[in-house]
Amino acid sequence: RDKMAVPLLDKKIVKKRVKRFIRPQSDRKICVKPSWRRPKGIDSRVRRKFKGVTLMPNIGYGSDKKTRHYLPNGFKKFLVHNVKDLELLMMHNRTYCAEIAHNVSTRKRKEIVERAAQLDVVVTNKLARLRSQEDE
């Protein structure tokens, strides 16, 4: 069967901000990494929200409740470690898609992908660690 499950999501996914929030001064100092940390200094321009300084993440940037946690393909992600985990998605195959965990072996991956095709469940990383026939 070559038809795949169609996502149930009817609302357009809108992100209020796509750019990462970077840590202030991280572009000037090598020892300050860009991953976000809240400024806590008494004189910090960023904390005091001066004009023209780094923006701080806040609740207003949150996604719409209906589209929160959805992937661009219209499904929510569900981490799968084995075929039994996949059975949970049988009734929810239009809301959730499976993502095979990184520590699953090639042999088990093949079983999961085959069963997902039978259950009509979308797998996001079904091509990962795929072995061709001549390798085996």
N, C-alpha and C. Protein backbone atom coordinates (compact mmCIF):
# COMPACT_ATOMS: atom_id res chain seq x y z
N ARG A 1 0.84 -1.19 0.00
CA ARG A 1 0.00 0.00 0.00
C ARG A 1 0.88 1.24 0.00
N ASP A 2 0.73 2.08 -1.01
CA ASP A 2 1.62 3.23 -1.10
C ASP A 2 1.00 4.51 -0.55
N LYS A 3 -0.27 4.49 -0.15
CA LYS A 3 -0.85 5.71 0.43
C LYS A 3 -0.43 5.83 1.90
N MET A 4 -0.12 7.05 2.29
CA MET A 4 0.32 7.28 3.66
C MET A 4 -0.79 8.00 4.43
N ALA A 5 -0.70 7.95 5.75
CA ALA A 5 -1.67 8.63 6.60
C ALA A 5 -1.58 10.13 6.37
N VAL A 6 -2.74 10.76 6.24
CA VAL A 6 -2.80 12.21 6.02
C VAL A 6 -2.98 12.87 7.38
N PRO A 7 -2.20 13.93 7.68
CA PRO A 7 -2.35 14.56 9.00
C PRO A 7 -3.73 15.17 9.20
N LEU A 8 -4.19 15.13 10.42
CA LEU A 8 -5.51 15.64 10.78
C LEU A 8 -5.49 17.16 10.96
N LEU A 9 -4.29 17.71 11.16
CA LEU A 9 -4.14 19.14 11.45
C LEU A 9 -4.65 19.99 10.29
N ASP A 10 -5.60 20.89 10.59
CA ASP A 10 -6.15 21.73 9.54
C ASP A 10 -5.67 23.18 9.64
N LYS A 11 -5.10 23.54 10.78
CA LYS A 11 -4.64 24.92 11.00
C LYS A 11 -3.20 25.08 10.50
N LYS A 12 -2.90 26.26 9.99
CA LYS A 12 -1.55 26.53 9.50
C LYS A 12 -0.62 26.76 10.69
N ILE A 13 0.56 26.14 10.63
CA ILE A 13 1.54 26.30 11.71
C ILE A 13 2.27 27.62 11.52
N VAL A 14 2.16 28.51 12.50
CA VAL A 14 2.82 29.81 12.43
C VAL A 14 3.78 29.92 13.61
N LYS A 15 5.05 30.18 13.30
CA LYS A 15 6.04 30.41 14.35
C LYS A 15 6.21 31.93 14.48
N LYS A 16 6.12 32.44 15.70
CA LYS A 16 6.27 33.88 15.88
C LYS A 16 7.72 34.32 15.71
N ARG A 17 8.63 33.40 15.99
CA ARG A 17 10.04 33.70 15.78
C ARG A 17 10.77 32.41 15.44
N VAL A 18 11.58 32.46 14.39
CA VAL A 18 12.31 31.27 13.96
C VAL A 18 13.77 31.37 14.38
N LYS A 19 14.30 32.61 14.43
CA LYS A 19 15.70 32.79 14.82
C LYS A 19 15.92 32.37 16.27
N ARG A 20 17.11 31.80 16.54
CA ARG A 20 17.44 31.38 17.90
C ARG A 20 17.67 32.62 18.77
N PHE A 21 17.36 32.51 20.05
CA PHE A 21 17.72 33.56 21.00
C PHE A 21 19.15 33.29 21.43
N ILE A 22 20.05 34.24 21.14
CA ILE A 22 21.45 34.01 21.50
C ILE A 22 21.81 34.77 22.78
N ARG A 23 22.80 34.25 23.47
CA ARG A 23 23.23 34.84 24.72
C ARG A 23 23.95 36.16 24.44
N PRO A 24 23.61 37.21 25.20
CA PRO A 24 24.28 38.48 24.98
C PRO A 24 25.80 38.36 25.16
N GLN A 25 26.55 39.08 24.35
CA GLN A 25 28.02 39.11 24.33
C GLN A 25 28.63 37.84 23.73
N SER A 26 27.81 36.86 23.32
CA SER A 26 28.38 35.62 22.78
C SER A 26 29.04 35.84 21.43
N ASP A 27 28.68 36.93 20.75
CA ASP A 27 29.32 37.24 19.47
C ASP A 27 30.67 37.93 19.67
N ARG A 28 30.97 38.35 20.89
CA ARG A 28 32.23 39.06 21.15
C ARG A 28 33.22 38.23 21.95
N LYS A 29 32.73 37.38 22.83
CA LYS A 29 33.62 36.60 23.69
C LYS A 29 33.53 35.12 23.32
N ILE A 30 34.69 34.50 23.13
CA ILE A 30 34.73 33.09 22.75
C ILE A 30 34.23 32.22 23.91
N CYS A 31 34.55 32.61 25.13
CA CYS A 31 34.19 31.78 26.29
C CYS A 31 32.69 31.84 26.61
N VAL A 32 31.98 32.81 26.03
CA VAL A 32 30.53 32.89 26.23
C VAL A 32 29.86 32.20 25.05
N LYS A 33 29.30 31.03 25.29
CA LYS A 33 28.67 30.25 24.22
C LYS A 33 27.30 30.84 23.86
N PRO A 34 26.83 30.60 22.63
CA PRO A 34 25.58 31.24 22.20
C PRO A 34 24.30 30.68 22.82
N SER A 35 24.37 29.54 23.54
CA SER A 35 23.14 28.99 24.10
C SER A 35 22.58 29.93 25.17
N TRP A 36 21.27 30.14 25.16
CA TRP A 36 20.64 31.17 25.96
C TRP A 36 20.80 30.97 27.47
N ARG A 37 21.18 32.05 28.16
CA ARG A 37 21.16 32.10 29.62
C ARG A 37 20.51 33.44 29.97
N ARG A 38 19.68 33.45 30.98
CA ARG A 38 19.00 34.68 31.34
C ARG A 38 19.99 35.63 32.02
N PRO A 39 20.07 36.89 31.54
CA PRO A 39 20.97 37.84 32.19
C PRO A 39 20.46 38.20 33.59
N LYS A 40 21.36 38.16 34.58
CA LYS A 40 20.93 38.42 35.95
C LYS A 40 21.69 39.59 36.59
N GLY A 41 22.53 40.26 35.80
CA GLY A 41 23.33 41.35 36.35
C GLY A 41 22.50 42.57 36.69
N ILE A 42 22.94 43.34 37.69
CA ILE A 42 22.17 44.52 38.10
C ILE A 42 22.20 45.61 37.04
N ASP A 43 23.26 45.67 36.25
CA ASP A 43 23.38 46.72 35.24
C ASP A 43 23.10 46.23 33.82
N SER A 44 22.70 44.99 33.66
CA SER A 44 22.56 44.40 32.32
C SER A 44 21.55 45.15 31.45
N ARG A 45 22.02 45.58 30.27
CA ARG A 45 21.15 46.30 29.34
C ARG A 45 20.09 45.37 28.76
N VAL A 46 20.47 44.11 28.60
CA VAL A 46 19.52 43.15 28.03
C VAL A 46 18.39 42.88 29.02
N ARG A 47 18.76 42.68 30.29
CA ARG A 47 17.74 42.42 31.31
C ARG A 47 16.80 43.60 31.47
N ARG A 48 17.37 44.83 31.34
CA ARG A 48 16.55 46.03 31.51
C ARG A 48 15.81 46.41 30.23
N LYS A 49 15.98 45.60 29.17
CA LYS A 49 15.25 45.75 27.90
C LYS A 49 15.48 47.11 27.23
N PHE A 50 16.75 47.48 27.08
CA PHE A 50 17.07 48.69 26.34
C PHE A 50 16.80 48.48 24.87
N LYS A 51 16.60 49.57 24.16
CA LYS A 51 16.37 49.49 22.72
C LYS A 51 17.66 49.09 22.00
N GLY A 52 17.55 48.22 21.02
CA GLY A 52 18.71 47.86 20.21
C GLY A 52 19.63 46.82 20.82
N VAL A 53 19.18 46.13 21.85
CA VAL A 53 20.01 45.06 22.42
C VAL A 53 19.36 43.70 22.13
N THR A 54 20.08 42.63 22.50
CA THR A 54 19.60 41.27 22.27
C THR A 54 18.20 41.08 22.86
N LEU A 55 17.33 40.42 22.11
CA LEU A 55 15.98 40.15 22.60
C LEU A 55 15.99 38.97 23.56
N MET A 56 15.09 39.02 24.53
CA MET A 56 14.98 37.93 25.50
C MET A 56 13.76 37.09 25.16
N PRO A 57 13.88 35.77 25.32
CA PRO A 57 12.69 34.94 25.11
C PRO A 57 11.66 35.20 26.19
N ASN A 58 10.40 35.25 25.81
CA ASN A 58 9.33 35.37 26.81
C ASN A 58 8.07 34.69 26.31
N ILE A 59 7.07 34.66 27.14
CA ILE A 59 5.86 33.87 26.89
C ILE A 59 5.15 34.27 25.60
N GLY A 60 5.33 35.51 25.19
CA GLY A 60 4.65 36.00 23.99
C GLY A 60 5.10 35.34 22.70
N TYR A 61 6.28 34.71 22.72
CA TYR A 61 6.78 34.04 21.52
C TYR A 61 6.21 32.63 21.38
N GLY A 62 5.43 32.18 22.36
CA GLY A 62 4.89 30.81 22.34
C GLY A 62 4.00 30.56 21.13
N SER A 63 3.94 29.30 20.71
CA SER A 63 3.12 28.92 19.57
C SER A 63 1.65 28.86 19.96
N ASP A 64 0.79 28.85 18.95
CA ASP A 64 -0.64 28.67 19.15
C ASP A 64 -0.87 27.31 19.82
N LYS A 65 -1.79 27.25 20.77
CA LYS A 65 -2.03 26.02 21.52
C LYS A 65 -2.40 24.85 20.61
N LYS A 66 -3.14 25.15 19.55
CA LYS A 66 -3.59 24.07 18.65
C LYS A 66 -2.46 23.49 17.82
N THR A 67 -1.43 24.30 17.54
CA THR A 67 -0.35 23.82 16.66
C THR A 67 0.96 23.60 17.41
N ARG A 68 0.95 23.73 18.73
CA ARG A 68 2.17 23.55 19.51
C ARG A 68 2.68 22.11 19.42
N HIS A 69 3.98 21.94 19.32
CA HIS A 69 4.66 20.63 19.23
C HIS A 69 4.43 19.91 17.91
N TYR A 70 3.79 20.55 16.93
CA TYR A 70 3.61 19.89 15.64
C TYR A 70 4.84 20.08 14.78
N LEU A 71 5.19 19.06 14.01
CA LEU A 71 6.29 19.14 13.07
C LEU A 71 5.77 19.78 11.79
N PRO A 72 6.67 20.26 10.92
CA PRO A 72 6.21 20.87 9.66
C PRO A 72 5.37 19.93 8.79
N ASN A 73 5.51 18.60 8.99
CA ASN A 73 4.71 17.66 8.19
C ASN A 73 3.29 17.49 8.72
N GLY A 74 2.94 18.19 9.81
CA GLY A 74 1.58 18.16 10.32
C GLY A 74 1.31 17.10 11.38
N PHE A 75 2.37 16.39 11.81
CA PHE A 75 2.22 15.36 12.84
C PHE A 75 2.96 15.76 14.10
N LYS A 76 2.57 15.16 15.23
CA LYS A 76 3.35 15.27 16.46
C LYS A 76 4.31 14.08 16.50
N LYS A 77 5.45 14.28 17.15
CA LYS A 77 6.48 13.24 17.18
C LYS A 77 6.25 12.30 18.35
N PHE A 78 6.46 10.99 18.11
CA PHE A 78 6.37 9.99 19.18
C PHE A 78 7.58 9.08 19.05
N LEU A 79 8.39 9.01 20.11
CA LEU A 79 9.63 8.24 20.07
C LEU A 79 9.34 6.75 20.24
N VAL A 80 9.88 5.95 19.32
CA VAL A 80 9.60 4.51 19.29
C VAL A 80 10.91 3.75 19.49
N HIS A 81 10.89 2.77 20.42
CA HIS A 81 12.07 1.94 20.67
C HIS A 81 11.91 0.52 20.14
N ASN A 82 10.66 0.08 19.98
CA ASN A 82 10.42 -1.27 19.47
C ASN A 82 9.06 -1.35 18.78
N VAL A 83 8.74 -2.53 18.24
CA VAL A 83 7.49 -2.70 17.49
C VAL A 83 6.28 -2.52 18.40
N LYS A 84 6.43 -2.91 19.67
CA LYS A 84 5.31 -2.79 20.62
C LYS A 84 4.94 -1.32 20.84
N ASP A 85 5.94 -0.45 20.91
CA ASP A 85 5.67 0.99 21.04
C ASP A 85 4.86 1.50 19.85
N LEU A 86 5.14 0.93 18.69
CA LEU A 86 4.49 1.37 17.46
C LEU A 86 2.99 1.06 17.47
N GLU A 87 2.62 -0.04 18.14
CA GLU A 87 1.20 -0.45 18.19
C GLU A 87 0.34 0.63 18.87
N LEU A 88 0.95 1.42 19.76
CA LEU A 88 0.20 2.48 20.45
C LEU A 88 -0.32 3.53 19.47
N LEU A 89 0.37 3.67 18.33
CA LEU A 89 -0.01 4.71 17.36
C LEU A 89 -1.06 4.23 16.37
N MET A 90 -1.50 3.00 16.50
CA MET A 90 -2.44 2.43 15.53
C MET A 90 -3.69 3.30 15.36
N MET A 91 -4.28 3.74 16.46
CA MET A 91 -5.51 4.53 16.40
C MET A 91 -5.22 6.03 16.22
N HIS A 92 -3.96 6.42 16.38
CA HIS A 92 -3.62 7.86 16.34
C HIS A 92 -2.71 8.19 15.17
N ASN A 93 -2.82 7.42 14.09
CA ASN A 93 -1.85 7.60 13.00
C ASN A 93 -2.06 8.87 12.20
N ARG A 94 -3.12 9.63 12.48
CA ARG A 94 -3.31 10.90 11.77
C ARG A 94 -2.88 12.10 12.62
N THR A 95 -2.54 11.84 13.88
CA THR A 95 -2.05 12.91 14.76
C THR A 95 -0.56 12.76 15.04
N TYR A 96 -0.13 11.52 15.28
CA TYR A 96 1.26 11.26 15.65
C TYR A 96 2.01 10.52 14.56
N CYS A 97 3.30 10.85 14.44
CA CYS A 97 4.18 10.06 13.58
C CYS A 97 5.26 9.46 14.47
N ALA A 98 5.83 8.37 14.04
CA ALA A 98 6.84 7.68 14.84
C ALA A 98 8.22 8.20 14.47
N GLU A 99 9.07 8.29 15.47
CA GLU A 99 10.49 8.56 15.22
C GLU A 99 11.27 7.47 15.94
N ILE A 100 12.07 6.72 15.19
CA ILE A 100 12.83 5.62 15.78
C ILE A 100 13.97 6.20 16.61
N ALA A 101 14.10 5.72 17.85
CA ALA A 101 15.13 6.21 18.76
C ALA A 101 16.52 5.93 18.19
N HIS A 102 17.49 6.75 18.55
CA HIS A 102 18.82 6.67 17.94
C HIS A 102 19.57 5.40 18.32
N ASN A 103 19.21 4.77 19.44
CA ASN A 103 19.96 3.61 19.90
C ASN A 103 19.31 2.28 19.49
N VAL A 104 18.45 2.31 18.47
CA VAL A 104 17.82 1.09 17.97
C VAL A 104 18.67 0.52 16.85
N SER A 105 18.89 -0.80 16.88
CA SER A 105 19.77 -1.44 15.90
C SER A 105 19.14 -1.46 14.51
N THR A 106 19.99 -1.72 13.50
CA THR A 106 19.54 -1.76 12.11
C THR A 106 18.49 -2.85 11.91
N ARG A 107 18.70 -3.99 12.54
CA ARG A 107 17.77 -5.12 12.38
C ARG A 107 16.38 -4.78 12.92
N LYS A 108 16.35 -4.18 14.12
CA LYS A 108 15.07 -3.81 14.72
C LYS A 108 14.42 -2.67 13.94
N ARG A 109 15.24 -1.75 13.41
CA ARG A 109 14.72 -0.64 12.61
C ARG A 109 13.89 -1.16 11.44
N LYS A 110 14.45 -2.19 10.78
CA LYS A 110 13.78 -2.75 9.62
C LYS A 110 12.40 -3.30 10.01
N GLU A 111 12.35 -3.99 11.16
CA GLU A 111 11.08 -4.54 11.65
C GLU A 111 10.07 -3.43 11.94
N ILE A 112 10.55 -2.36 12.58
CA ILE A 112 9.67 -1.24 12.93
C ILE A 112 9.11 -0.59 11.67
N VAL A 113 9.97 -0.36 10.67
CA VAL A 113 9.53 0.30 9.43
C VAL A 113 8.52 -0.57 8.69
N GLU A 114 8.75 -1.89 8.68
CA GLU A 114 7.80 -2.80 8.01
C GLU A 114 6.44 -2.78 8.70
N ARG A 115 6.46 -2.84 10.04
CA ARG A 115 5.19 -2.84 10.79
C ARG A 115 4.48 -1.49 10.64
N ALA A 116 5.24 -0.41 10.58
CA ALA A 116 4.65 0.92 10.42
C ALA A 116 3.91 1.02 9.09
N ALA A 117 4.47 0.42 8.05
CA ALA A 117 3.81 0.42 6.74
C ALA A 117 2.48 -0.33 6.81
N GLN A 118 2.45 -1.43 7.57
CA GLN A 118 1.20 -2.20 7.73
C GLN A 118 0.15 -1.40 8.49
N LEU A 119 0.60 -0.68 9.52
CA LEU A 119 -0.32 0.09 10.36
C LEU A 119 -0.65 1.46 9.78
N ASP A 120 0.00 1.81 8.67
CA ASP A 120 -0.19 3.11 8.02
C ASP A 120 0.25 4.25 8.94
N VAL A 121 1.40 4.06 9.60
CA VAL A 121 1.96 5.08 10.49
C VAL A 121 3.16 5.71 9.80
N VAL A 122 3.25 7.03 9.84
CA VAL A 122 4.38 7.73 9.22
C VAL A 122 5.60 7.62 10.13
N VAL A 123 6.76 7.30 9.55
CA VAL A 123 8.02 7.24 10.31
C VAL A 123 8.92 8.34 9.75
N THR A 124 9.37 9.24 10.63
CA THR A 124 10.14 10.39 10.15
C THR A 124 11.53 10.01 9.67
N ASN A 125 12.17 9.06 10.36
CA ASN A 125 13.56 8.71 10.01
C ASN A 125 13.65 7.26 9.53
N LYS A 126 12.77 6.88 8.62
CA LYS A 126 12.76 5.48 8.17
C LYS A 126 13.94 5.13 7.27
N LEU A 127 14.60 6.13 6.70
CA LEU A 127 15.75 5.87 5.84
C LEU A 127 17.07 5.85 6.60
N ALA A 128 17.03 6.18 7.90
CA ALA A 128 18.26 6.21 8.69
C ALA A 128 18.79 4.80 8.89
N ARG A 129 20.09 4.64 8.73
CA ARG A 129 20.79 3.38 8.96
C ARG A 129 20.18 2.24 8.13
N LEU A 130 19.80 2.56 6.90
CA LEU A 130 19.20 1.57 6.02
C LEU A 130 20.31 0.88 5.26
N ARG A 131 20.36 -0.46 5.37
CA ARG A 131 21.41 -1.22 4.70
C ARG A 131 20.90 -1.72 3.36
N SER A 132 21.75 -1.64 2.35
CA SER A 132 21.36 -2.20 1.05
C SER A 132 21.56 -3.71 1.08
N GLN A 133 20.97 -4.42 0.10
CA GLN A 133 20.96 -5.89 0.11
C GLN A 133 22.36 -6.49 0.00
N GLU A 134 23.25 -5.88 -0.81
CA GLU A 134 24.57 -6.49 -1.03
C GLU A 134 25.47 -6.42 0.20
N ASP A 135 25.17 -5.53 1.15
CA ASP A 135 25.97 -5.43 2.37
C ASP A 135 25.76 -6.63 3.29
N GLU A 136 24.57 -7.18 3.28
CA GLU A 136 24.22 -8.23 4.24
C GLU A 136 24.83 -9.57 3.88
